[in-house]
Amino acid sequence: MLMFASIPSTSVSPTPQQIADLRLAASQMTGATRRAFQAEMALKYCEGNPRRAEEVFGWGRENLAVGLAEKRTGMVCLSLHAAFSGRSRWEDQYPQAAQALVELALAHSPQDPTFRTTVSYTRLTAKTAIEGLKQKGIEEAALPAPSTMGVLLNGLGFRLRNVVKSKPLKKVPETDAIFDNVKKKRGSRVRRYGEALECGL
């Protein structure tokens, strides 16, 4: 015959401020952590009675009953959603196709001409990427939709953007002074070595 330890009864009643604080604390938690906290408060203030804890704190008594059972047995319950849901990422489902996509994107990603950033930019569109994967022999079932392909390229660190060629530096205030200095030096050379050397400068 199974015997459970009786829960000691307490006559402690929480104040309205304590109730508000405990409800706020519980609202910041989720899952088993929240149930464990609610079970502790039910044991402390409501003698472990889920129905009374529901009246005092406004928590669902079914959830409280699960939390109390978890505390009593030491086993944590998992919902079907937590235990069996969740879709694998495309990269995990098709690693060969993902590797081919990375190689394709790298081939279409020129170096930033300014060398100021390590971010890779690509001219590869989602539609072109799908066509490229088909040419690499990736089967049709493994190919994502164009909208998903755009998300995948962003997730892999490639941003679709037209790469701007190197632009000359803008004129700075010192530019005029530099050219004046060059003209002065060139003029002194011409005077020193003659006009014939001008074309060699």
N, C-alpha and C. Protein backbone atom coordinates (compact mmCIF):
# COMPACT_ATOMS: atom_id res chain seq x y z
N MET A 1 0.85 -1.18 0.00
CA MET A 1 0.00 0.00 0.00
C MET A 1 0.89 1.24 0.00
N LEU A 2 0.59 2.15 -0.94
CA LEU A 2 1.39 3.37 -1.04
C LEU A 2 0.94 4.38 0.00
N MET A 3 1.92 5.00 0.63
CA MET A 3 1.62 6.02 1.63
C MET A 3 2.32 7.31 1.21
N PHE A 4 1.59 8.39 1.26
CA PHE A 4 2.16 9.70 0.94
C PHE A 4 2.28 10.50 2.22
N ALA A 5 3.35 11.23 2.33
CA ALA A 5 3.55 12.07 3.50
C ALA A 5 2.49 13.17 3.49
N SER A 6 1.87 13.37 4.60
CA SER A 6 0.85 14.41 4.68
C SER A 6 1.51 15.78 4.68
N ILE A 7 0.85 16.71 4.05
CA ILE A 7 1.37 18.07 3.96
C ILE A 7 0.94 18.82 5.22
N PRO A 8 1.87 19.39 5.92
CA PRO A 8 1.50 20.09 7.14
C PRO A 8 0.62 21.30 6.82
N SER A 9 -0.44 21.44 7.57
CA SER A 9 -1.35 22.56 7.34
C SER A 9 -0.76 23.83 7.95
N THR A 10 -0.98 24.91 7.25
CA THR A 10 -0.51 26.19 7.74
C THR A 10 -1.68 27.15 7.77
N SER A 11 -1.60 28.09 8.66
CA SER A 11 -2.68 29.06 8.79
C SER A 11 -2.27 30.42 8.23
N VAL A 12 -1.15 30.42 7.49
CA VAL A 12 -0.66 31.68 6.94
C VAL A 12 -1.56 32.11 5.79
N SER A 13 -2.00 33.34 5.81
CA SER A 13 -2.81 33.89 4.72
C SER A 13 -2.04 35.04 4.09
N PRO A 14 -1.91 35.03 2.78
CA PRO A 14 -1.16 36.10 2.14
C PRO A 14 -1.96 37.40 2.13
N THR A 15 -1.25 38.50 2.21
CA THR A 15 -1.90 39.81 2.12
C THR A 15 -2.21 40.11 0.65
N PRO A 16 -3.11 41.06 0.40
CA PRO A 16 -3.39 41.42 -1.01
C PRO A 16 -2.13 41.83 -1.78
N GLN A 17 -1.20 42.53 -1.10
CA GLN A 17 0.04 42.93 -1.78
C GLN A 17 0.88 41.71 -2.12
N GLN A 18 0.95 40.74 -1.20
CA GLN A 18 1.70 39.51 -1.46
C GLN A 18 1.08 38.73 -2.63
N ILE A 19 -0.25 38.69 -2.65
CA ILE A 19 -0.94 37.99 -3.74
C ILE A 19 -0.60 38.62 -5.07
N ALA A 20 -0.63 39.96 -5.12
CA ALA A 20 -0.29 40.67 -6.37
C ALA A 20 1.15 40.39 -6.78
N ASP A 21 2.06 40.39 -5.80
CA ASP A 21 3.46 40.12 -6.10
C ASP A 21 3.68 38.70 -6.61
N LEU A 22 3.02 37.74 -5.97
CA LEU A 22 3.17 36.34 -6.38
C LEU A 22 2.57 36.09 -7.76
N ARG A 23 1.45 36.74 -8.06
CA ARG A 23 0.85 36.59 -9.39
C ARG A 23 1.75 37.19 -10.46
N LEU A 24 2.37 38.32 -10.13
CA LEU A 24 3.29 38.95 -11.07
C LEU A 24 4.51 38.05 -11.31
N ALA A 25 5.04 37.48 -10.24
CA ALA A 25 6.20 36.60 -10.37
C ALA A 25 5.87 35.38 -11.23
N ALA A 26 4.69 34.79 -11.00
CA ALA A 26 4.29 33.61 -11.78
C ALA A 26 4.10 33.95 -13.25
N SER A 27 3.64 35.17 -13.52
CA SER A 27 3.40 35.56 -14.92
C SER A 27 4.69 35.70 -15.71
N GLN A 28 5.82 35.84 -15.02
CA GLN A 28 7.11 35.96 -15.69
C GLN A 28 7.73 34.60 -15.98
N MET A 29 7.09 33.51 -15.54
CA MET A 29 7.63 32.17 -15.72
C MET A 29 6.78 31.39 -16.71
N THR A 30 7.33 30.28 -17.19
CA THR A 30 6.60 29.41 -18.10
C THR A 30 6.87 27.95 -17.77
N GLY A 31 5.99 27.09 -18.24
CA GLY A 31 6.20 25.64 -18.16
C GLY A 31 6.37 25.10 -16.76
N ALA A 32 7.32 24.16 -16.65
CA ALA A 32 7.54 23.45 -15.39
C ALA A 32 8.01 24.40 -14.28
N THR A 33 8.77 25.45 -14.64
CA THR A 33 9.23 26.41 -13.64
C THR A 33 8.05 27.12 -13.00
N ARG A 34 7.09 27.50 -13.83
CA ARG A 34 5.90 28.19 -13.32
C ARG A 34 5.07 27.25 -12.45
N ARG A 35 4.90 26.01 -12.90
CA ARG A 35 4.11 25.05 -12.12
C ARG A 35 4.77 24.76 -10.77
N ALA A 36 6.11 24.66 -10.76
CA ALA A 36 6.82 24.40 -9.51
C ALA A 36 6.63 25.56 -8.53
N PHE A 37 6.71 26.79 -9.06
CA PHE A 37 6.51 27.97 -8.21
C PHE A 37 5.08 28.01 -7.67
N GLN A 38 4.10 27.77 -8.53
CA GLN A 38 2.71 27.79 -8.09
C GLN A 38 2.43 26.69 -7.06
N ALA A 39 3.05 25.52 -7.25
CA ALA A 39 2.87 24.43 -6.29
C ALA A 39 3.45 24.82 -4.93
N GLU A 40 4.63 25.46 -4.92
CA GLU A 40 5.24 25.91 -3.66
C GLU A 40 4.33 26.89 -2.93
N MET A 41 3.75 27.83 -3.67
CA MET A 41 2.87 28.83 -3.06
C MET A 41 1.57 28.20 -2.57
N ALA A 42 1.09 27.19 -3.33
CA ALA A 42 -0.12 26.49 -2.89
C ALA A 42 0.14 25.72 -1.60
N LEU A 43 1.32 25.12 -1.48
CA LEU A 43 1.67 24.41 -0.25
C LEU A 43 1.83 25.38 0.91
N LYS A 44 2.42 26.53 0.65
CA LYS A 44 2.72 27.48 1.72
C LYS A 44 1.46 28.20 2.23
N TYR A 45 0.61 28.63 1.28
CA TYR A 45 -0.52 29.48 1.67
C TYR A 45 -1.88 28.79 1.62
N CYS A 46 -1.98 27.65 0.91
CA CYS A 46 -3.30 27.04 0.70
C CYS A 46 -3.35 25.58 1.07
N GLU A 47 -2.41 25.12 1.89
CA GLU A 47 -2.36 23.75 2.38
C GLU A 47 -2.32 22.73 1.24
N GLY A 48 -1.76 23.12 0.11
CA GLY A 48 -1.64 22.20 -1.01
C GLY A 48 -2.95 21.91 -1.71
N ASN A 49 -3.94 22.76 -1.54
CA ASN A 49 -5.25 22.55 -2.14
C ASN A 49 -5.36 23.37 -3.44
N PRO A 50 -5.40 22.70 -4.62
CA PRO A 50 -5.46 23.44 -5.88
C PRO A 50 -6.68 24.34 -6.01
N ARG A 51 -7.83 23.88 -5.51
CA ARG A 51 -9.06 24.67 -5.64
C ARG A 51 -8.97 25.95 -4.81
N ARG A 52 -8.43 25.81 -3.59
CA ARG A 52 -8.28 27.00 -2.75
C ARG A 52 -7.24 27.96 -3.35
N ALA A 53 -6.13 27.41 -3.90
CA ALA A 53 -5.11 28.24 -4.53
C ALA A 53 -5.68 28.98 -5.74
N GLU A 54 -6.60 28.33 -6.43
CA GLU A 54 -7.25 28.99 -7.56
C GLU A 54 -8.06 30.19 -7.08
N GLU A 55 -8.77 30.02 -5.96
CA GLU A 55 -9.58 31.12 -5.42
C GLU A 55 -8.69 32.27 -4.92
N VAL A 56 -7.57 31.93 -4.29
CA VAL A 56 -6.72 32.96 -3.70
C VAL A 56 -5.90 33.70 -4.76
N PHE A 57 -5.23 32.93 -5.65
CA PHE A 57 -4.29 33.54 -6.60
C PHE A 57 -4.85 33.72 -8.01
N GLY A 58 -5.93 33.01 -8.32
CA GLY A 58 -6.49 33.12 -9.67
C GLY A 58 -5.79 32.23 -10.68
N TRP A 59 -4.98 31.28 -10.22
CA TRP A 59 -4.31 30.35 -11.12
C TRP A 59 -5.22 29.18 -11.42
N GLY A 60 -5.05 28.54 -12.58
CA GLY A 60 -5.88 27.39 -12.94
C GLY A 60 -5.60 26.20 -12.03
N ARG A 61 -6.66 25.59 -11.50
CA ARG A 61 -6.45 24.49 -10.56
C ARG A 61 -5.89 23.24 -11.23
N GLU A 62 -6.18 23.05 -12.55
CA GLU A 62 -5.61 21.89 -13.25
C GLU A 62 -4.09 22.03 -13.34
N ASN A 63 -3.65 23.22 -13.64
CA ASN A 63 -2.21 23.49 -13.72
C ASN A 63 -1.56 23.31 -12.34
N LEU A 64 -2.24 23.78 -11.31
CA LEU A 64 -1.73 23.62 -9.93
C LEU A 64 -1.65 22.15 -9.55
N ALA A 65 -2.65 21.37 -9.95
CA ALA A 65 -2.65 19.94 -9.63
C ALA A 65 -1.46 19.24 -10.29
N VAL A 66 -1.17 19.61 -11.53
CA VAL A 66 -0.01 19.04 -12.22
C VAL A 66 1.28 19.44 -11.50
N GLY A 67 1.39 20.71 -11.11
CA GLY A 67 2.57 21.17 -10.40
C GLY A 67 2.77 20.46 -9.08
N LEU A 68 1.68 20.24 -8.35
CA LEU A 68 1.78 19.52 -7.07
C LEU A 68 2.18 18.06 -7.29
N ALA A 69 1.65 17.45 -8.35
CA ALA A 69 2.03 16.06 -8.66
C ALA A 69 3.50 15.98 -9.07
N GLU A 70 3.97 16.96 -9.83
CA GLU A 70 5.39 16.98 -10.21
C GLU A 70 6.27 17.11 -8.98
N LYS A 71 5.84 17.94 -8.04
CA LYS A 71 6.63 18.12 -6.82
C LYS A 71 6.63 16.85 -5.97
N ARG A 72 5.50 16.19 -5.92
CA ARG A 72 5.38 14.99 -5.11
C ARG A 72 6.19 13.83 -5.70
N THR A 73 6.14 13.65 -7.03
CA THR A 73 6.79 12.50 -7.67
C THR A 73 8.22 12.79 -8.11
N GLY A 74 8.55 14.08 -8.31
CA GLY A 74 9.87 14.42 -8.82
C GLY A 74 9.99 14.28 -10.33
N MET A 75 8.90 13.96 -11.01
CA MET A 75 8.90 13.83 -12.47
C MET A 75 8.25 15.06 -13.09
N VAL A 76 8.87 15.59 -14.13
CA VAL A 76 8.35 16.77 -14.82
C VAL A 76 7.57 16.33 -16.04
N CYS A 77 6.38 16.86 -16.21
CA CYS A 77 5.51 16.52 -17.33
C CYS A 77 5.85 17.40 -18.53
N LEU A 78 5.87 16.79 -19.71
CA LEU A 78 6.07 17.51 -20.96
C LEU A 78 4.77 17.47 -21.76
N SER A 79 4.40 18.60 -22.32
CA SER A 79 3.22 18.61 -23.17
C SER A 79 3.57 17.98 -24.52
N LEU A 80 2.56 17.56 -25.25
CA LEU A 80 2.81 16.99 -26.57
C LEU A 80 3.48 18.00 -27.48
N HIS A 81 3.09 19.27 -27.31
CA HIS A 81 3.69 20.32 -28.14
C HIS A 81 5.19 20.42 -27.87
N ALA A 82 5.57 20.42 -26.59
CA ALA A 82 6.98 20.55 -26.24
C ALA A 82 7.76 19.30 -26.60
N ALA A 83 7.10 18.13 -26.51
CA ALA A 83 7.83 16.88 -26.72
C ALA A 83 7.97 16.51 -28.19
N PHE A 84 6.95 16.83 -29.00
CA PHE A 84 6.95 16.30 -30.37
C PHE A 84 6.85 17.35 -31.47
N SER A 85 6.70 18.61 -31.15
CA SER A 85 6.56 19.60 -32.21
C SER A 85 7.88 20.20 -32.58
N GLY A 86 7.84 21.05 -33.58
CA GLY A 86 9.07 21.70 -34.03
C GLY A 86 9.52 21.12 -35.35
N ARG A 87 9.75 22.00 -36.29
CA ARG A 87 10.16 21.57 -37.61
C ARG A 87 11.66 21.78 -37.76
N SER A 88 12.31 20.79 -38.37
CA SER A 88 13.75 20.90 -38.57
C SER A 88 14.06 22.00 -39.59
N ARG A 89 15.19 22.65 -39.40
CA ARG A 89 15.60 23.68 -40.35
C ARG A 89 15.94 23.03 -41.69
N TRP A 90 15.78 23.82 -42.76
CA TRP A 90 16.07 23.33 -44.11
C TRP A 90 17.51 22.88 -44.20
N GLU A 91 18.44 23.62 -43.59
CA GLU A 91 19.86 23.27 -43.62
C GLU A 91 20.12 21.92 -42.98
N ASP A 92 19.32 21.58 -41.92
CA ASP A 92 19.49 20.29 -41.25
C ASP A 92 18.86 19.16 -42.05
N GLN A 93 17.76 19.46 -42.74
CA GLN A 93 17.09 18.43 -43.54
C GLN A 93 17.89 18.08 -44.79
N TYR A 94 18.49 19.09 -45.41
CA TYR A 94 19.21 18.89 -46.67
C TYR A 94 20.61 19.50 -46.58
N PRO A 95 21.51 18.87 -45.84
CA PRO A 95 22.85 19.45 -45.66
C PRO A 95 23.64 19.57 -46.96
N GLN A 96 23.46 18.62 -47.88
CA GLN A 96 24.17 18.68 -49.16
C GLN A 96 23.70 19.89 -49.98
N ALA A 97 22.39 20.11 -50.00
CA ALA A 97 21.85 21.26 -50.72
C ALA A 97 22.28 22.56 -50.06
N ALA A 98 22.36 22.58 -48.73
CA ALA A 98 22.78 23.79 -48.01
C ALA A 98 24.23 24.12 -48.34
N GLN A 99 25.09 23.10 -48.42
CA GLN A 99 26.49 23.32 -48.77
C GLN A 99 26.62 23.84 -50.20
N ALA A 100 25.80 23.29 -51.09
CA ALA A 100 25.81 23.76 -52.48
C ALA A 100 25.35 25.21 -52.57
N LEU A 101 24.37 25.59 -51.74
CA LEU A 101 23.88 26.96 -51.72
C LEU A 101 24.97 27.93 -51.25
N VAL A 102 25.71 27.54 -50.23
CA VAL A 102 26.79 28.39 -49.71
C VAL A 102 27.85 28.60 -50.79
N GLU A 103 28.23 27.52 -51.48
CA GLU A 103 29.23 27.63 -52.54
C GLU A 103 28.74 28.53 -53.66
N LEU A 104 27.46 28.38 -54.01
CA LEU A 104 26.87 29.20 -55.07
C LEU A 104 26.85 30.68 -54.67
N ALA A 105 26.47 30.95 -53.43
CA ALA A 105 26.40 32.34 -52.96
C ALA A 105 27.79 32.96 -52.88
N LEU A 106 28.78 32.18 -52.46
CA LEU A 106 30.16 32.70 -52.39
C LEU A 106 30.69 33.04 -53.78
N ALA A 107 30.28 32.25 -54.78
CA ALA A 107 30.73 32.51 -56.15
C ALA A 107 30.13 33.80 -56.70
N HIS A 108 28.99 34.22 -56.14
CA HIS A 108 28.32 35.43 -56.60
C HIS A 108 28.52 36.60 -55.63
N SER A 109 29.46 36.49 -54.73
CA SER A 109 29.66 37.54 -53.73
C SER A 109 31.01 38.20 -53.92
N PRO A 110 31.06 39.34 -54.60
CA PRO A 110 32.34 40.03 -54.77
C PRO A 110 32.81 40.66 -53.46
N GLN A 111 34.09 40.85 -53.37
CA GLN A 111 34.67 41.50 -52.19
C GLN A 111 34.25 42.96 -52.14
N ASP A 112 33.95 43.43 -50.98
CA ASP A 112 33.64 44.85 -50.81
C ASP A 112 34.87 45.66 -51.25
N PRO A 113 34.72 46.52 -52.26
CA PRO A 113 35.89 47.22 -52.80
C PRO A 113 36.61 48.09 -51.78
N THR A 114 35.92 48.55 -50.74
CA THR A 114 36.58 49.41 -49.76
C THR A 114 37.32 48.62 -48.70
N PHE A 115 37.06 47.31 -48.61
CA PHE A 115 37.66 46.44 -47.59
C PHE A 115 37.35 46.92 -46.18
N ARG A 116 36.27 47.65 -46.03
CA ARG A 116 35.94 48.18 -44.70
C ARG A 116 35.07 47.24 -43.89
N THR A 117 34.50 46.21 -44.50
CA THR A 117 33.59 45.33 -43.79
C THR A 117 33.82 43.90 -44.22
N THR A 118 33.47 42.97 -43.32
CA THR A 118 33.57 41.55 -43.64
C THR A 118 32.23 40.99 -44.09
N VAL A 119 31.18 41.81 -44.11
CA VAL A 119 29.86 41.35 -44.51
C VAL A 119 29.89 41.01 -45.99
N SER A 120 29.31 39.86 -46.35
CA SER A 120 29.29 39.44 -47.74
C SER A 120 28.02 39.95 -48.40
N TYR A 121 28.17 40.56 -49.55
CA TYR A 121 27.02 40.99 -50.33
C TYR A 121 26.95 40.13 -51.57
N THR A 122 25.77 39.82 -52.01
CA THR A 122 25.61 38.95 -53.17
C THR A 122 24.66 39.57 -54.17
N ARG A 123 24.91 39.26 -55.43
CA ARG A 123 23.98 39.66 -56.48
C ARG A 123 23.02 38.51 -56.78
N LEU A 124 23.13 37.43 -56.04
CA LEU A 124 22.35 36.23 -56.27
C LEU A 124 20.93 36.40 -55.74
N THR A 125 19.94 36.33 -56.62
CA THR A 125 18.54 36.40 -56.20
C THR A 125 18.07 35.02 -55.81
N ALA A 126 16.91 34.96 -55.14
CA ALA A 126 16.36 33.67 -54.71
C ALA A 126 16.07 32.78 -55.92
N LYS A 127 15.49 33.37 -56.96
CA LYS A 127 15.15 32.60 -58.16
C LYS A 127 16.41 32.05 -58.82
N THR A 128 17.45 32.87 -58.93
CA THR A 128 18.71 32.43 -59.53
C THR A 128 19.36 31.35 -58.67
N ALA A 129 19.24 31.48 -57.35
CA ALA A 129 19.81 30.47 -56.45
C ALA A 129 19.14 29.12 -56.66
N ILE A 130 17.82 29.12 -56.81
CA ILE A 130 17.09 27.87 -57.02
C ILE A 130 17.51 27.24 -58.35
N GLU A 131 17.63 28.07 -59.39
CA GLU A 131 18.08 27.56 -60.69
C GLU A 131 19.50 27.00 -60.59
N GLY A 132 20.36 27.69 -59.85
CA GLY A 132 21.74 27.23 -59.68
C GLY A 132 21.81 25.89 -58.96
N LEU A 133 20.95 25.70 -57.94
CA LEU A 133 20.92 24.43 -57.22
C LEU A 133 20.41 23.30 -58.12
N LYS A 134 19.46 23.63 -58.99
CA LYS A 134 18.98 22.62 -59.95
C LYS A 134 20.11 22.19 -60.87
N GLN A 135 20.91 23.15 -61.33
CA GLN A 135 22.02 22.83 -62.22
C GLN A 135 23.10 22.01 -61.51
N LYS A 136 23.18 22.16 -60.18
CA LYS A 136 24.15 21.37 -59.41
C LYS A 136 23.64 19.97 -59.10
N GLY A 137 22.43 19.66 -59.56
CA GLY A 137 21.89 18.31 -59.39
C GLY A 137 21.07 18.10 -58.12
N ILE A 138 20.67 19.19 -57.45
CA ILE A 138 19.84 19.05 -56.25
C ILE A 138 18.42 18.73 -56.70
N GLU A 139 17.83 17.70 -56.10
CA GLU A 139 16.49 17.27 -56.51
C GLU A 139 15.43 18.31 -56.18
N GLU A 140 14.35 18.27 -56.94
CA GLU A 140 13.28 19.26 -56.83
C GLU A 140 12.66 19.29 -55.43
N ALA A 141 12.53 18.11 -54.79
CA ALA A 141 11.88 18.03 -53.47
C ALA A 141 12.69 18.76 -52.40
N ALA A 142 13.99 18.90 -52.61
CA ALA A 142 14.85 19.55 -51.61
C ALA A 142 14.91 21.05 -51.78
N LEU A 143 14.34 21.57 -52.87
CA LEU A 143 14.43 23.01 -53.13
C LEU A 143 13.33 23.77 -52.40
N PRO A 144 13.70 24.84 -51.68
CA PRO A 144 12.68 25.64 -50.99
C PRO A 144 11.98 26.60 -51.93
N ALA A 145 10.92 27.22 -51.43
CA ALA A 145 10.21 28.25 -52.19
C ALA A 145 11.10 29.49 -52.29
N PRO A 146 10.86 30.35 -53.31
CA PRO A 146 11.69 31.55 -53.44
C PRO A 146 11.71 32.43 -52.19
N SER A 147 10.56 32.56 -51.52
CA SER A 147 10.53 33.39 -50.31
C SER A 147 11.40 32.79 -49.21
N THR A 148 11.35 31.45 -49.09
CA THR A 148 12.19 30.77 -48.11
C THR A 148 13.66 30.89 -48.48
N MET A 149 13.95 30.84 -49.78
CA MET A 149 15.34 30.96 -50.23
C MET A 149 15.94 32.31 -49.83
N GLY A 150 15.14 33.37 -49.94
CA GLY A 150 15.61 34.69 -49.51
C GLY A 150 15.95 34.71 -48.03
N VAL A 151 15.10 34.07 -47.23
CA VAL A 151 15.35 34.00 -45.78
C VAL A 151 16.62 33.18 -45.51
N LEU A 152 16.79 32.09 -46.26
CA LEU A 152 17.98 31.25 -46.08
C LEU A 152 19.26 32.02 -46.40
N LEU A 153 19.24 32.76 -47.50
CA LEU A 153 20.44 33.53 -47.87
C LEU A 153 20.77 34.56 -46.79
N ASN A 154 19.74 35.22 -46.27
CA ASN A 154 19.98 36.18 -45.18
C ASN A 154 20.51 35.48 -43.95
N GLY A 155 19.94 34.31 -43.63
CA GLY A 155 20.38 33.56 -42.45
C GLY A 155 21.80 33.07 -42.56
N LEU A 156 22.25 32.80 -43.79
CA LEU A 156 23.63 32.35 -44.01
C LEU A 156 24.62 33.51 -44.05
N GLY A 157 24.10 34.74 -43.93
CA GLY A 157 24.99 35.90 -43.86
C GLY A 157 25.18 36.61 -45.18
N PHE A 158 24.38 36.27 -46.20
CA PHE A 158 24.49 36.94 -47.50
C PHE A 158 23.33 37.90 -47.65
N ARG A 159 23.63 39.13 -48.00
CA ARG A 159 22.61 40.16 -48.19
C ARG A 159 22.54 40.51 -49.66
N LEU A 160 21.33 40.51 -50.20
CA LEU A 160 21.14 40.87 -51.60
C LEU A 160 21.30 42.37 -51.75
N ARG A 161 22.33 42.79 -52.51
CA ARG A 161 22.59 44.22 -52.67
C ARG A 161 23.48 44.44 -53.88
N ASN A 162 23.22 45.48 -54.62
CA ASN A 162 24.11 45.84 -55.71
C ASN A 162 25.42 46.36 -55.11
N VAL A 163 26.52 45.79 -55.54
CA VAL A 163 27.81 46.19 -55.00
C VAL A 163 28.30 47.42 -55.76
N VAL A 164 28.55 48.49 -55.04
CA VAL A 164 29.01 49.74 -55.65
C VAL A 164 30.50 49.66 -55.86
N LYS A 165 30.94 50.08 -57.04
CA LYS A 165 32.38 50.10 -57.33
C LYS A 165 33.08 51.13 -56.44
N SER A 166 34.37 51.02 -56.36
CA SER A 166 35.13 51.95 -55.53
C SER A 166 34.91 53.38 -56.01
N LYS A 167 34.64 54.24 -55.07
CA LYS A 167 34.46 55.65 -55.39
C LYS A 167 35.71 56.41 -54.98
N PRO A 168 36.09 57.42 -55.75
CA PRO A 168 37.25 58.21 -55.32
C PRO A 168 36.93 58.97 -54.05
N LEU A 169 37.96 59.23 -53.29
CA LEU A 169 37.76 59.97 -52.05
C LEU A 169 37.25 61.37 -52.36
N LYS A 170 36.39 61.86 -51.51
CA LYS A 170 35.89 63.23 -51.70
C LYS A 170 37.01 64.22 -51.42
N LYS A 171 36.87 65.38 -52.04
CA LYS A 171 37.87 66.41 -51.88
C LYS A 171 37.87 66.90 -50.43
N VAL A 172 39.04 66.90 -49.84
CA VAL A 172 39.17 67.36 -48.46
C VAL A 172 39.82 68.73 -48.47
N PRO A 173 39.72 69.50 -47.40
CA PRO A 173 40.31 70.85 -47.37
C PRO A 173 41.80 70.87 -47.67
N GLU A 174 42.51 69.80 -47.33
CA GLU A 174 43.95 69.77 -47.55
C GLU A 174 44.32 69.55 -49.02
N THR A 175 43.34 69.18 -49.87
CA THR A 175 43.65 68.85 -51.27
C THR A 175 44.31 70.02 -51.99
N ASP A 176 43.74 71.20 -51.88
CA ASP A 176 44.30 72.37 -52.56
C ASP A 176 45.73 72.65 -52.11
N ALA A 177 45.97 72.51 -50.81
CA ALA A 177 47.32 72.75 -50.29
C ALA A 177 48.31 71.74 -50.86
N ILE A 178 47.88 70.49 -51.00
CA ILE A 178 48.76 69.45 -51.55
C ILE A 178 49.13 69.77 -52.99
N PHE A 179 48.12 70.13 -53.81
CA PHE A 179 48.40 70.42 -55.21
C PHE A 179 49.23 71.70 -55.38
N ASP A 180 49.00 72.68 -54.51
CA ASP A 180 49.84 73.90 -54.56
C ASP A 180 51.29 73.55 -54.29
N ASN A 181 51.50 72.66 -53.33
CA ASN A 181 52.85 72.23 -52.98
C ASN A 181 53.49 71.49 -54.17
N VAL A 182 52.70 70.63 -54.85
CA VAL A 182 53.22 69.89 -56.01
C VAL A 182 53.61 70.87 -57.11
N LYS A 183 52.75 71.88 -57.35
CA LYS A 183 53.05 72.87 -58.40
C LYS A 183 54.33 73.64 -58.07
N LYS A 184 54.51 73.99 -56.81
CA LYS A 184 55.71 74.73 -56.42
C LYS A 184 56.96 73.88 -56.67
N LYS A 185 56.92 72.61 -56.30
CA LYS A 185 58.08 71.74 -56.49
C LYS A 185 58.35 71.51 -57.97
N ARG A 186 57.27 71.34 -58.74
CA ARG A 186 57.42 71.13 -60.17
C ARG A 186 58.03 72.39 -60.81
N GLY A 187 57.56 73.57 -60.39
CA GLY A 187 58.10 74.82 -60.94
C GLY A 187 59.57 74.99 -60.63
N SER A 188 60.00 74.60 -59.42
CA SER A 188 61.41 74.74 -59.07
C SER A 188 62.27 73.77 -59.87
N ARG A 189 61.74 72.58 -60.17
CA ARG A 189 62.50 71.63 -60.99
C ARG A 189 62.68 72.15 -62.42
N VAL A 190 61.60 72.73 -62.93
CA VAL A 190 61.67 73.25 -64.31
C VAL A 190 62.72 74.35 -64.40
N ARG A 191 62.73 75.23 -63.41
CA ARG A 191 63.73 76.31 -63.44
C ARG A 191 65.15 75.75 -63.30
N ARG A 192 65.27 74.68 -62.52
CA ARG A 192 66.60 74.16 -62.26
C ARG A 192 67.13 73.34 -63.44
N TYR A 193 66.31 72.49 -64.03
CA TYR A 193 66.81 71.57 -65.07
C TYR A 193 66.37 71.92 -66.47
N GLY A 194 65.60 72.97 -66.60
CA GLY A 194 65.21 73.38 -67.94
C GLY A 194 63.88 72.85 -68.36
N GLU A 195 63.34 73.46 -69.37
CA GLU A 195 62.01 73.12 -69.85
C GLU A 195 61.95 71.70 -70.41
N ALA A 196 63.06 71.15 -70.88
CA ALA A 196 63.05 69.85 -71.51
C ALA A 196 62.66 68.74 -70.55
N LEU A 197 62.87 68.93 -69.25
CA LEU A 197 62.54 67.90 -68.28
C LEU A 197 61.09 67.92 -67.88
N GLU A 198 60.35 68.92 -68.31
CA GLU A 198 58.96 69.05 -67.89
C GLU A 198 58.15 67.82 -68.28
N CYS A 199 58.40 67.30 -69.50
CA CYS A 199 57.61 66.16 -69.97
C CYS A 199 57.98 64.87 -69.23
N GLY A 200 59.10 64.84 -68.54
CA GLY A 200 59.48 63.64 -67.81
C GLY A 200 58.93 63.58 -66.41
N LEU A 201 58.29 64.64 -65.92
CA LEU A 201 57.77 64.67 -64.54
C LEU A 201 56.48 63.93 -64.45
